[in-house]
Amino acid sequence: MPRTKSKILRWERRPAERPGELLEAALRVFATRGYRSATLEEVAAAAGVTKGAVYHYFDNKEQLLSSALEHHQQRAFARLEGALDSEHGSATTRIRLLFRSAFGGDDPIRRDVLLLLHAIAHEAPNVYRHWVANGPLRWWRVVESLIVEGQRSGEFRRDADAEVTARIALVGVLAQFAWQRYADSVPGLAIDRERLVDSAVDMLVASLQPPEKRA
Protein backbone atom coordinates (compact mmCIF):
# COMPACT_ATOMS: atom_id res chain seq x y z
CA MET A 1 0.00 0.00 0.00
CA PRO A 2 1.54 3.40 -0.95
CA ARG A 3 2.30 5.80 1.81
CA THR A 4 0.09 8.82 2.22
CA LYS A 5 1.41 12.28 1.55
CA SER A 6 1.15 13.15 5.25
CA LYS A 7 3.44 10.23 6.16
CA ILE A 8 6.00 11.24 3.55
CA LEU A 9 6.07 14.83 4.76
CA ARG A 10 6.26 13.79 8.40
CA TRP A 11 9.26 11.61 7.57
CA GLU A 12 11.00 14.32 5.56
CA ARG A 13 10.62 16.90 8.33
CA ARG A 14 12.80 14.90 10.74
CA PRO A 15 15.74 13.33 8.87
CA ALA A 16 17.90 13.17 11.99
CA GLU A 17 15.47 10.67 13.52
CA ARG A 18 15.45 8.26 10.58
CA PRO A 19 18.16 5.81 11.69
CA GLY A 20 16.71 5.46 15.19
CA GLU A 21 13.20 4.90 13.91
CA LEU A 22 14.43 2.34 11.41
CA LEU A 23 16.27 0.48 14.16
CA GLU A 24 13.24 0.39 16.44
CA ALA A 25 11.02 -0.74 13.57
CA ALA A 26 13.54 -3.46 12.72
CA LEU A 27 13.43 -4.85 16.26
CA ARG A 28 9.63 -4.97 16.17
CA VAL A 29 9.49 -6.67 12.78
CA PHE A 30 12.29 -9.15 13.48
CA ALA A 31 10.72 -10.08 16.82
CA THR A 32 7.25 -10.53 15.34
CA ARG A 33 8.13 -12.19 12.05
CA GLY A 34 11.39 -13.86 13.03
CA TYR A 35 14.74 -12.69 11.77
CA ARG A 36 14.98 -15.24 8.96
CA SER A 37 11.44 -14.67 7.69
CA ALA A 38 11.36 -10.88 7.97
CA THR A 39 12.20 -8.79 4.93
CA LEU A 40 13.65 -5.32 4.56
CA GLU A 41 10.44 -4.34 2.77
CA GLU A 42 8.52 -5.15 5.95
CA VAL A 43 10.94 -3.12 8.06
CA ALA A 44 10.62 -0.20 5.66
CA ALA A 45 6.83 -0.37 5.79
CA ALA A 46 6.86 -0.49 9.61
CA ALA A 47 9.09 2.58 9.70
CA GLY A 48 7.03 4.40 7.05
CA VAL A 49 9.83 4.63 4.46
CA THR A 50 10.88 3.00 1.23
CA LYS A 51 13.22 0.03 0.96
CA GLY A 52 15.72 2.39 -0.65
CA ALA A 53 15.79 4.45 2.54
CA VAL A 54 16.77 1.35 4.50
CA TYR A 55 19.68 0.68 2.12
CA HIS A 56 20.75 4.30 2.46
CA TYR A 57 21.77 3.54 6.06
CA PHE A 58 22.39 -0.23 6.11
CA ASP A 59 24.04 -2.59 3.64
CA ASN A 60 22.01 -5.69 4.47
CA LYS A 61 19.65 -7.31 6.94
CA GLU A 62 22.38 -8.60 9.26
CA GLN A 63 23.94 -5.16 9.58
CA LEU A 64 20.49 -3.74 10.34
CA LEU A 65 19.91 -6.36 13.05
CA SER A 66 23.33 -5.75 14.61
CA SER A 67 22.81 -1.98 14.56
CA ALA A 68 19.31 -2.34 16.04
CA LEU A 69 20.55 -4.40 18.97
CA GLU A 70 23.47 -2.04 19.54
CA HIS A 71 21.10 0.93 19.48
CA HIS A 72 18.95 -0.74 22.13
CA GLN A 73 21.98 -1.56 24.28
CA GLN A 74 23.32 1.98 24.11
CA ARG A 75 19.98 3.40 25.21
CA ALA A 76 19.73 0.87 28.04
CA PHE A 77 23.22 1.65 29.33
CA ALA A 78 22.65 5.38 29.07
CA ARG A 79 19.56 4.95 31.24
CA LEU A 80 21.48 2.78 33.70
CA GLU A 81 24.44 5.13 33.95
CA GLY A 82 22.12 8.08 34.51
CA ALA A 83 20.34 6.23 37.32
CA LEU A 84 23.58 5.16 39.03
CA ASP A 85 25.10 8.64 38.72
CA SER A 86 22.17 10.05 40.67
CA GLU A 87 22.34 7.43 43.45
CA HIS A 88 25.17 7.62 45.98
CA GLY A 89 23.81 5.23 48.60
CA SER A 90 25.01 1.81 49.68
CA ALA A 91 26.10 -0.91 47.27
CA THR A 92 22.86 -2.75 48.03
CA THR A 93 20.81 0.30 47.08
CA ARG A 94 22.77 0.77 43.88
CA ILE A 95 22.49 -2.91 42.90
CA ARG A 96 18.73 -2.82 43.44
CA LEU A 97 18.51 0.34 41.35
CA LEU A 98 20.54 -1.29 38.59
CA PHE A 99 18.30 -4.36 38.40
CA ARG A 100 15.14 -2.27 38.50
CA SER A 101 16.49 0.01 35.77
CA ALA A 102 17.47 -2.96 33.62
CA PHE A 103 14.36 -5.11 34.09
CA GLY A 104 11.63 -3.02 35.73
CA GLY A 105 8.62 -1.60 33.94
CA ASP A 106 6.95 -2.77 30.76
CA ASP A 107 9.43 -1.94 27.99
CA PRO A 108 8.11 -3.18 24.62
CA ILE A 109 11.51 -2.78 22.96
CA ARG A 110 13.15 -4.96 25.62
CA ARG A 111 10.44 -7.56 24.99
CA ASP A 112 11.23 -7.47 21.29
CA VAL A 113 14.93 -8.00 21.99
CA LEU A 114 14.26 -10.99 24.25
CA LEU A 115 12.03 -12.53 21.60
CA LEU A 116 14.84 -12.29 19.08
CA LEU A 117 17.71 -13.72 21.08
CA HIS A 118 17.00 -17.43 20.88
CA ALA A 119 16.55 -17.38 17.11
CA ILE A 120 19.53 -15.23 16.21
CA ALA A 121 21.90 -17.42 18.21
CA HIS A 122 21.52 -19.87 15.30
CA GLU A 123 20.46 -17.61 12.43
CA ALA A 124 22.97 -14.80 12.96
CA PRO A 125 25.69 -16.12 15.29
CA ASN A 126 28.07 -13.22 14.66
CA VAL A 127 25.40 -10.74 15.70
CA TYR A 128 24.58 -12.86 18.75
CA ARG A 129 28.22 -12.93 19.86
CA HIS A 130 28.36 -9.16 19.51
CA TRP A 131 25.22 -8.85 21.64
CA VAL A 132 26.70 -11.08 24.35
CA ALA A 133 29.89 -9.02 24.46
CA ASN A 134 28.09 -5.69 24.60
CA GLY A 135 25.06 -6.78 26.62
CA PRO A 136 25.32 -9.49 29.30
CA LEU A 137 29.10 -9.28 29.60
CA ARG A 138 28.97 -5.53 30.06
CA TRP A 139 26.03 -5.75 32.46
CA TRP A 140 27.60 -8.26 34.81
CA ARG A 141 30.81 -6.28 34.92
CA VAL A 142 28.80 -3.37 36.26
CA VAL A 143 27.17 -5.67 38.85
CA GLU A 144 30.60 -7.06 39.72
CA SER A 145 31.97 -3.56 40.28
CA LEU A 146 29.11 -2.78 42.67
CA ILE A 147 29.75 -6.00 44.60
CA VAL A 148 33.43 -5.08 44.89
CA GLU A 149 32.37 -1.62 46.04
CA GLY A 150 30.36 -3.26 48.83
CA GLN A 151 33.25 -5.54 49.75
CA ARG A 152 35.61 -2.62 50.12
CA SER A 153 33.18 -0.75 52.35
CA GLY A 154 32.56 -3.79 54.57
CA GLU A 155 28.94 -4.12 53.47
CA PHE A 156 29.62 -7.47 51.75
CA ARG A 157 31.91 -10.33 52.74
CA ARG A 158 35.29 -10.18 51.08
CA ASP A 159 35.61 -13.91 50.36
CA ALA A 160 32.72 -13.93 47.85
CA ASP A 161 33.64 -14.30 44.18
CA ALA A 162 32.24 -11.03 42.82
CA GLU A 163 32.46 -12.03 39.17
CA VAL A 164 30.73 -15.40 39.49
CA THR A 165 28.06 -13.95 41.76
CA ALA A 166 27.34 -11.18 39.26
CA ARG A 167 27.19 -13.60 36.33
CA ILE A 168 24.75 -15.99 38.00
CA ALA A 169 22.47 -13.28 39.37
CA LEU A 170 22.17 -11.33 36.14
CA VAL A 171 21.88 -14.24 33.73
CA GLY A 172 19.35 -15.95 35.99
CA VAL A 173 17.01 -12.97 35.83
CA LEU A 174 17.62 -12.51 32.11
CA ALA A 175 16.70 -16.13 31.40
CA GLN A 176 13.49 -15.85 33.43
CA PHE A 177 12.47 -12.79 31.45
CA ALA A 178 13.28 -14.52 28.15
CA TRP A 179 11.16 -17.54 29.11
CA GLN A 180 8.10 -15.37 29.71
CA ARG A 181 7.41 -15.52 25.98
CA TYR A 182 6.08 -19.05 26.69
CA ALA A 183 4.08 -18.09 29.78
CA ASP A 184 0.70 -18.39 28.04
CA SER A 185 1.35 -21.99 27.02
CA VAL A 186 3.35 -23.31 30.00
CA PRO A 187 1.37 -23.44 33.27
CA GLY A 188 3.26 -22.04 36.23
CA LEU A 189 5.87 -20.21 34.15
CA ALA A 190 4.44 -16.70 34.40
CA ILE A 191 5.72 -14.47 37.19
CA ASP A 192 5.31 -10.83 38.14
CA ARG A 193 8.39 -8.95 36.91
CA GLU A 194 8.67 -6.70 39.97
CA ARG A 195 8.49 -9.68 42.30
CA LEU A 196 11.15 -11.48 40.26
CA VAL A 197 13.56 -8.53 40.23
CA ASP A 198 13.21 -7.59 43.89
CA SER A 199 13.44 -11.18 45.14
CA ALA A 200 16.50 -11.84 42.97
CA VAL A 201 18.24 -8.82 44.47
CA ASP A 202 17.23 -9.91 47.98
CA MET A 203 18.80 -13.31 47.38
CA LEU A 204 21.93 -11.76 45.88
CA VAL A 205 22.43 -9.38 48.80
CA ALA A 206 21.69 -12.07 51.40
CA SER A 207 24.37 -14.32 49.89
CA LEU A 208 26.92 -11.50 50.19
CA GLN A 209 26.25 -10.47 53.79
CA PRO A 210 29.06 -11.03 56.29
CA PRO A 211 28.27 -13.70 58.93
CA GLU A 212 27.87 -11.11 61.69
CA LYS A 213 25.13 -9.31 59.73
CA ARG A 214 23.03 -12.39 59.00
CA ALA A 215 19.88 -12.84 61.03
C-alpha atoms as a PDB file:
ATOM      1  CA  MET A   1       0.000   0.000   0.000  1.00  0.00           C
ATOM      2  CA  PRO A   2       1.536   3.398  -0.954  1.00  0.00           C
ATOM      3  CA  ARG A   3       2.298   5.800   1.809  1.00  0.00           C
ATOM      4  CA  THR A   4       0.086   8.824   2.221  1.00  0.00           C
ATOM      5  CA  LYS A   5       1.407  12.285   1.554  1.00  0.00           C
ATOM      6  CA  SER A   6       1.151  13.148   5.254  1.00  0.00           C
ATOM      7  CA  LYS A   7       3.443  10.234   6.156  1.00  0.00           C
ATOM      8  CA  ILE A   8       6.004  11.243   3.554  1.00  0.00           C
ATOM      9  CA  LEU A   9       6.074  14.826   4.756  1.00  0.00           C
ATOM     10  CA  ARG A  10       6.262  13.795   8.397  1.00  0.00           C
ATOM     11  CA  TRP A  11       9.263  11.606   7.573  1.00  0.00           C
ATOM     12  CA  GLU A  12      10.997  14.318   5.564  1.00  0.00           C
ATOM     13  CA  ARG A  13      10.624  16.902   8.329  1.00  0.00           C
ATOM     14  CA  ARG A  14      12.797  14.901  10.741  1.00  0.00           C
ATOM     15  CA  PRO A  15      15.736  13.332   8.865  1.00  0.00           C
ATOM     16  CA  ALA A  16      17.902  13.174  11.991  1.00  0.00           C
ATOM     17  CA  GLU A  17      15.468  10.671  13.522  1.00  0.00           C
ATOM     18  CA  ARG A  18      15.452   8.264  10.578  1.00  0.00           C
ATOM     19  CA  PRO A  19      18.161   5.813  11.687  1.00  0.00           C
ATOM     20  CA  GLY A  20      16.709   5.459  15.191  1.00  0.00           C
ATOM     21  CA  GLU A  21      13.195   4.901  13.907  1.00  0.00           C
ATOM     22  CA  LEU A  22      14.431   2.342  11.410  1.00  0.00           C
ATOM     23  CA  LEU A  23      16.275   0.481  14.162  1.00  0.00           C
ATOM     24  CA  GLU A  24      13.237   0.390  16.443  1.00  0.00           C
ATOM     25  CA  ALA A  25      11.018  -0.740  13.567  1.00  0.00           C
ATOM     26  CA  ALA A  26      13.541  -3.460  12.724  1.00  0.00           C
ATOM     27  CA  LEU A  27      13.428  -4.852  16.261  1.00  0.00           C
ATOM     28  CA  ARG A  28       9.628  -4.974  16.168  1.00  0.00           C
ATOM     29  CA  VAL A  29       9.491  -6.675  12.782  1.00  0.00           C
ATOM     30  CA  PHE A  30      12.295  -9.153  13.484  1.00  0.00           C
ATOM     31  CA  ALA A  31      10.722 -10.081  16.822  1.00  0.00           C
ATOM     32  CA  THR A  32       7.255 -10.528  15.338  1.00  0.00           C
ATOM     33  CA  ARG A  33       8.130 -12.195  12.048  1.00  0.00           C
ATOM     34  CA  GLY A  34      11.387 -13.860  13.034  1.00  0.00           C
ATOM     35  CA  TYR A  35      14.745 -12.687  11.767  1.00  0.00           C
ATOM     36  CA  ARG A  36      14.978 -15.236   8.958  1.00  0.00           C
ATOM     37  CA  SER A  37      11.442 -14.674   7.691  1.00  0.00           C
ATOM     38  CA  ALA A  38      11.362 -10.884   7.975  1.00  0.00           C
ATOM     39  CA  THR A  39      12.196  -8.785   4.932  1.00  0.00           C
ATOM     40  CA  LEU A  40      13.647  -5.324   4.556  1.00  0.00           C
ATOM     41  CA  GLU A  41      10.441  -4.335   2.766  1.00  0.00           C
ATOM     42  CA  GLU A  42       8.519  -5.154   5.947  1.00  0.00           C
ATOM     43  CA  VAL A  43      10.937  -3.125   8.057  1.00  0.00           C
ATOM     44  CA  ALA A  44      10.622  -0.199   5.665  1.00  0.00           C
ATOM     45  CA  ALA A  45       6.833  -0.374   5.791  1.00  0.00           C
ATOM     46  CA  ALA A  46       6.857  -0.488   9.611  1.00  0.00           C
ATOM     47  CA  ALA A  47       9.093   2.584   9.696  1.00  0.00           C
ATOM     48  CA  GLY A  48       7.030   4.403   7.049  1.00  0.00           C
ATOM     49  CA  VAL A  49       9.828   4.632   4.460  1.00  0.00           C
ATOM     50  CA  THR A  50      10.876   2.999   1.225  1.00  0.00           C
ATOM     51  CA  LYS A  51      13.222   0.034   0.964  1.00  0.00           C
ATOM     52  CA  GLY A  52      15.717   2.390  -0.646  1.00  0.00           C
ATOM     53  CA  ALA A  53      15.787   4.453   2.544  1.00  0.00           C
ATOM     54  CA  VAL A  54      16.775   1.348   4.500  1.00  0.00           C
ATOM     55  CA  TYR A  55      19.676   0.685   2.121  1.00  0.00           C
ATOM     56  CA  HIS A  56      20.746   4.298   2.461  1.00  0.00           C
ATOM     57  CA  TYR A  57      21.768   3.538   6.060  1.00  0.00           C
ATOM     58  CA  PHE A  58      22.388  -0.231   6.111  1.00  0.00           C
ATOM     59  CA  ASP A  59      24.045  -2.595   3.642  1.00  0.00           C
ATOM     60  CA  ASN A  60      22.007  -5.694   4.467  1.00  0.00           C
ATOM     61  CA  LYS A  61      19.649  -7.311   6.944  1.00  0.00           C
ATOM     62  CA  GLU A  62      22.384  -8.600   9.255  1.00  0.00           C
ATOM     63  CA  GLN A  63      23.937  -5.160   9.582  1.00  0.00           C
ATOM     64  CA  LEU A  64      20.492  -3.741  10.336  1.00  0.00           C
ATOM     65  CA  LEU A  65      19.912  -6.356  13.052  1.00  0.00           C
ATOM     66  CA  SER A  66      23.325  -5.749  14.606  1.00  0.00           C
ATOM     67  CA  SER A  67      22.806  -1.983  14.564  1.00  0.00           C
ATOM     68  CA  ALA A  68      19.313  -2.336  16.038  1.00  0.00           C
ATOM     69  CA  LEU A  69      20.553  -4.402  18.972  1.00  0.00           C
ATOM     70  CA  GLU A  70      23.474  -2.041  19.545  1.00  0.00           C
ATOM     71  CA  HIS A  71      21.096   0.933  19.481  1.00  0.00           C
ATOM     72  CA  HIS A  72      18.946  -0.743  22.133  1.00  0.00           C
ATOM     73  CA  GLN A  73      21.979  -1.559  24.276  1.00  0.00           C
ATOM     74  CA  GLN A  74      23.316   1.976  24.107  1.00  0.00           C
ATOM     75  CA  ARG A  75      19.981   3.397  25.214  1.00  0.00           C
ATOM     76  CA  ALA A  76      19.730   0.866  28.037  1.00  0.00           C
ATOM     77  CA  PHE A  77      23.216   1.649  29.332  1.00  0.00           C
ATOM     78  CA  ALA A  78      22.654   5.382  29.070  1.00  0.00           C
ATOM     79  CA  ARG A  79      19.558   4.952  31.237  1.00  0.00           C
ATOM     80  CA  LEU A  80      21.480   2.777  33.695  1.00  0.00           C
ATOM     81  CA  GLU A  81      24.442   5.134  33.954  1.00  0.00           C
ATOM     82  CA  GLY A  82      22.123   8.080  34.513  1.00  0.00           C
ATOM     83  CA  ALA A  83      20.341   6.234  37.317  1.00  0.00           C
ATOM     84  CA  LEU A  84      23.580   5.161  39.029  1.00  0.00           C
ATOM     85  CA  ASP A  85      25.103   8.637  38.721  1.00  0.00           C
ATOM     86  CA  SER A  86      22.174  10.050  40.674  1.00  0.00           C
ATOM     87  CA  GLU A  87      22.344   7.432  43.452  1.00  0.00           C
ATOM     88  CA  HIS A  88      25.173   7.616  45.983  1.00  0.00           C
ATOM     89  CA  GLY A  89      23.814   5.230  48.603  1.00  0.00           C
ATOM     90  CA  SER A  90      25.013   1.812  49.682  1.00  0.00           C
ATOM     91  CA  ALA A  91      26.104  -0.912  47.268  1.00  0.00           C
ATOM     92  CA  THR A  92      22.857  -2.749  48.026  1.00  0.00           C
ATOM     93  CA  THR A  93      20.809   0.303  47.079  1.00  0.00           C
ATOM     94  CA  ARG A  94      22.771   0.773  43.883  1.00  0.00           C
ATOM     95  CA  ILE A  95      22.493  -2.908  42.899  1.00  0.00           C
ATOM     96  CA  ARG A  96      18.727  -2.817  43.441  1.00  0.00           C
ATOM     97  CA  LEU A  97      18.505   0.344  41.354  1.00  0.00           C
ATOM     98  CA  LEU A  98      20.539  -1.295  38.593  1.00  0.00           C
ATOM     99  CA  PHE A  99      18.295  -4.359  38.397  1.00  0.00           C
ATOM    100  CA  ARG A 100      15.138  -2.267  38.501  1.00  0.00           C
ATOM    101  CA  SER A 101      16.489   0.008  35.765  1.00  0.00           C
ATOM    102  CA  ALA A 102      17.467  -2.964  33.622  1.00  0.00           C
ATOM    103  CA  PHE A 103      14.361  -5.110  34.093  1.00  0.00           C
ATOM    104  CA  GLY A 104      11.635  -3.022  35.731  1.00  0.00           C
ATOM    105  CA  GLY A 105       8.623  -1.599  33.937  1.00  0.00           C
ATOM    106  CA  ASP A 106       6.954  -2.770  30.755  1.00  0.00           C
ATOM    107  CA  ASP A 107       9.433  -1.939  27.995  1.00  0.00           C
ATOM    108  CA  PRO A 108       8.109  -3.181  24.615  1.00  0.00           C
ATOM    109  CA  ILE A 109      11.510  -2.782  22.958  1.00  0.00           C
ATOM    110  CA  ARG A 110      13.146  -4.962  25.620  1.00  0.00           C
ATOM    111  CA  ARG A 111      10.440  -7.559  24.993  1.00  0.00           C
ATOM    112  CA  ASP A 112      11.234  -7.473  21.287  1.00  0.00           C
ATOM    113  CA  VAL A 113      14.929  -8.004  21.991  1.00  0.00           C
ATOM    114  CA  LEU A 114      14.263 -10.990  24.252  1.00  0.00           C
ATOM    115  CA  LEU A 115      12.029 -12.531  21.604  1.00  0.00           C
ATOM    116  CA  LEU A 116      14.842 -12.293  19.082  1.00  0.00           C
ATOM    117  CA  LEU A 117      17.708 -13.716  21.076  1.00  0.00           C
ATOM    118  CA  HIS A 118      17.000 -17.430  20.884  1.00  0.00           C
ATOM    119  CA  ALA A 119      16.553 -17.378  17.110  1.00  0.00           C
ATOM    120  CA  ILE A 120      19.525 -15.234  16.207  1.00  0.00           C
ATOM    121  CA  ALA A 121      21.902 -17.423  18.212  1.00  0.00           C
ATOM    122  CA  HIS A 122      21.515 -19.870  15.304  1.00  0.00           C
ATOM    123  CA  GLU A 123      20.464 -17.611  12.431  1.00  0.00           C
ATOM    124  CA  ALA A 124      22.972 -14.799  12.963  1.00  0.00           C
ATOM    125  CA  PRO A 125      25.693 -16.122  15.294  1.00  0.00           C
ATOM    126  CA  ASN A 126      28.074 -13.221  14.664  1.00  0.00           C
ATOM    127  CA  VAL A 127      25.400 -10.743  15.703  1.00  0.00           C
ATOM    128  CA  TYR A 128      24.578 -12.857  18.755  1.00  0.00           C
ATOM    129  CA  ARG A 129      28.224 -12.933  19.857  1.00  0.00           C
ATOM    130  CA  HIS A 130      28.363  -9.165  19.507  1.00  0.00           C
ATOM    131  CA  TRP A 131      25.222  -8.848  21.641  1.00  0.00           C
ATOM    132  CA  VAL A 132      26.705 -11.084  24.351  1.00  0.00           C
ATOM    133  CA  ALA A 133      29.890  -9.019  24.461  1.00  0.00           C
ATOM    134  CA  ASN A 134      28.089  -5.690  24.600  1.00  0.00           C
ATOM    135  CA  GLY A 135      25.057  -6.784  26.616  1.00  0.00           C
ATOM    136  CA  PRO A 136      25.316  -9.491  29.302  1.00  0.00           C
ATOM    137  CA  LEU A 137      29.103  -9.281  29.597  1.00  0.00           C
ATOM    138  CA  ARG A 138      28.970  -5.526  30.061  1.00  0.00           C
ATOM    139  CA  TRP A 139      26.026  -5.746  32.456  1.00  0.00           C
ATOM    140  CA  TRP A 140      27.597  -8.263  34.806  1.00  0.00           C
ATOM    141  CA  ARG A 141      30.813  -6.281  34.917  1.00  0.00           C
ATOM    142  CA  VAL A 142      28.797  -3.374  36.261  1.00  0.00           C
ATOM    143  CA  VAL A 143      27.173  -5.671  38.846  1.00  0.00           C
ATOM    144  CA  GLU A 144      30.596  -7.065  39.719  1.00  0.00           C
ATOM    145  CA  SER A 145      31.970  -3.558  40.276  1.00  0.00           C
ATOM    146  CA  LEU A 146      29.106  -2.784  42.666  1.00  0.00           C
ATOM    147  CA  ILE A 147      29.746  -5.998  44.599  1.00  0.00           C
ATOM    148  CA  VAL A 148      33.433  -5.083  44.887  1.00  0.00           C
ATOM    149  CA  GLU A 149      32.371  -1.624  46.043  1.00  0.00           C
ATOM    150  CA  GLY A 150      30.357  -3.260  48.835  1.00  0.00           C
ATOM    151  CA  GLN A 151      33.246  -5.543  49.750  1.00  0.00           C
ATOM    152  CA  ARG A 152      35.608  -2.622  50.118  1.00  0.00           C
ATOM    153  CA  SER A 153      33.176  -0.751  52.355  1.00  0.00           C
ATOM    154  CA  GLY A 154      32.564  -3.794  54.567  1.00  0.00           C
ATOM    155  CA  GLU A 155      28.942  -4.115  53.467  1.00  0.00           C
ATOM    156  CA  PHE A 156      29.621  -7.466  51.749  1.00  0.00           C
ATOM    157  CA  ARG A 157      31.908 -10.327  52.735  1.00  0.00           C
ATOM    158  CA  ARG A 158      35.292 -10.178  51.084  1.00  0.00           C
ATOM    159  CA  ASP A 159      35.612 -13.906  50.359  1.00  0.00           C
ATOM    160  CA  ALA A 160      32.724 -13.925  47.849  1.00  0.00           C
ATOM    161  CA  ASP A 161      33.641 -14.296  44.182  1.00  0.00           C
ATOM    162  CA  ALA A 162      32.240 -11.029  42.823  1.00  0.00           C
ATOM    163  CA  GLU A 163      32.458 -12.033  39.169  1.00  0.00           C
ATOM    164  CA  VAL A 164      30.733 -15.399  39.486  1.00  0.00           C
ATOM    165  CA  THR A 165      28.060 -13.951  41.764  1.00  0.00           C
ATOM    166  CA  ALA A 166      27.337 -11.182  39.261  1.00  0.00           C
ATOM    167  CA  ARG A 167      27.191 -13.605  36.328  1.00  0.00           C
ATOM    168  CA  ILE A 168      24.752 -15.989  38.001  1.00  0.00           C
ATOM    169  CA  ALA A 169      22.470 -13.278  39.371  1.00  0.00           C
ATOM    170  CA  LEU A 170      22.167 -11.332  36.138  1.00  0.00           C
ATOM    171  CA  VAL A 171      21.879 -14.237  33.727  1.00  0.00           C
ATOM    172  CA  GLY A 172      19.348 -15.950  35.988  1.00  0.00           C
ATOM    173  CA  VAL A 173      17.006 -12.967  35.831  1.00  0.00           C
ATOM    174  CA  LEU A 174      17.622 -12.506  32.112  1.00  0.00           C
ATOM    175  CA  ALA A 175      16.699 -16.128  31.401  1.00  0.00           C
ATOM    176  CA  GLN A 176      13.495 -15.847  33.430  1.00  0.00           C
ATOM    177  CA  PHE A 177      12.473 -12.788  31.445  1.00  0.00           C
ATOM    178  CA  ALA A 178      13.275 -14.518  28.148  1.00  0.00           C
ATOM    179  CA  TRP A 179      11.159 -17.538  29.114  1.00  0.00           C
ATOM    180  CA  GLN A 180       8.100 -15.367  29.715  1.00  0.00           C
ATOM    181  CA  ARG A 181       7.407 -15.520  25.981  1.00  0.00           C
ATOM    182  CA  TYR A 182       6.082 -19.049  26.692  1.00  0.00           C
ATOM    183  CA  ALA A 183       4.081 -18.086  29.782  1.00  0.00           C
ATOM    184  CA  ASP A 184       0.696 -18.395  28.045  1.00  0.00           C
ATOM    185  CA  SER A 185       1.350 -21.990  27.024  1.00  0.00           C
ATOM    186  CA  VAL A 186       3.347 -23.313  30.000  1.00  0.00           C
ATOM    187  CA  PRO A 187       1.368 -23.443  33.267  1.00  0.00           C
ATOM    188  CA  GLY A 188       3.256 -22.038  36.228  1.00  0.00           C
ATOM    189  CA  LEU A 189       5.874 -20.212  34.152  1.00  0.00           C
ATOM    190  CA  ALA A 190       4.441 -16.699  34.399  1.00  0.00           C
ATOM    191  CA  ILE A 191       5.719 -14.466  37.194  1.00  0.00           C
ATOM    192  CA  ASP A 192       5.313 -10.833  38.140  1.00  0.00           C
ATOM    193  CA  ARG A 193       8.391  -8.951  36.911  1.00  0.00           C
ATOM    194  CA  GLU A 194       8.670  -6.699  39.968  1.00  0.00           C
ATOM    195  CA  ARG A 195       8.494  -9.682  42.299  1.00  0.00           C
ATOM    196  CA  LEU A 196      11.152 -11.478  40.261  1.00  0.00           C
ATOM    197  CA  VAL A 197      13.560  -8.526  40.226  1.00  0.00           C
ATOM    198  CA  ASP A 198      13.211  -7.585  43.894  1.00  0.00           C
ATOM    199  CA  SER A 199      13.438 -11.182  45.137  1.00  0.00           C
ATOM    200  CA  ALA A 200      16.496 -11.845  42.973  1.00  0.00           C
ATOM    201  CA  VAL A 201      18.240  -8.818  44.473  1.00  0.00           C
ATOM    202  CA  ASP A 202      17.227  -9.908  47.984  1.00  0.00           C
ATOM    203  CA  MET A 203      18.798 -13.313  47.377  1.00  0.00           C
ATOM    204  CA  LEU A 204      21.925 -11.757  45.879  1.00  0.00           C
ATOM    205  CA  VAL A 205      22.427  -9.377  48.798  1.00  0.00           C
ATOM    206  CA  ALA A 206      21.695 -12.074  51.399  1.00  0.00           C
ATOM    207  CA  SER A 207      24.372 -14.317  49.886  1.00  0.00           C
ATOM    208  CA  LEU A 208      26.917 -11.502  50.194  1.00  0.00           C
ATOM    209  CA  GLN A 209      26.252 -10.470  53.787  1.00  0.00           C
ATOM    210  CA  PRO A 210      29.064 -11.035  56.294  1.00  0.00           C
ATOM    211  CA  PRO A 211      28.272 -13.696  58.935  1.00  0.00           C
ATOM    212  CA  GLU A 212      27.874 -11.111  61.687  1.00  0.00           C
ATOM    213  CA  LYS A 213      25.129  -9.309  59.731  1.00  0.00           C
ATOM    214  CA  ARG A 214      23.028 -12.390  59.001  1.00  0.00           C
ATOM    215  CA  ALA A 215      19.884 -12.841  61.030  1.00  0.00           C
END
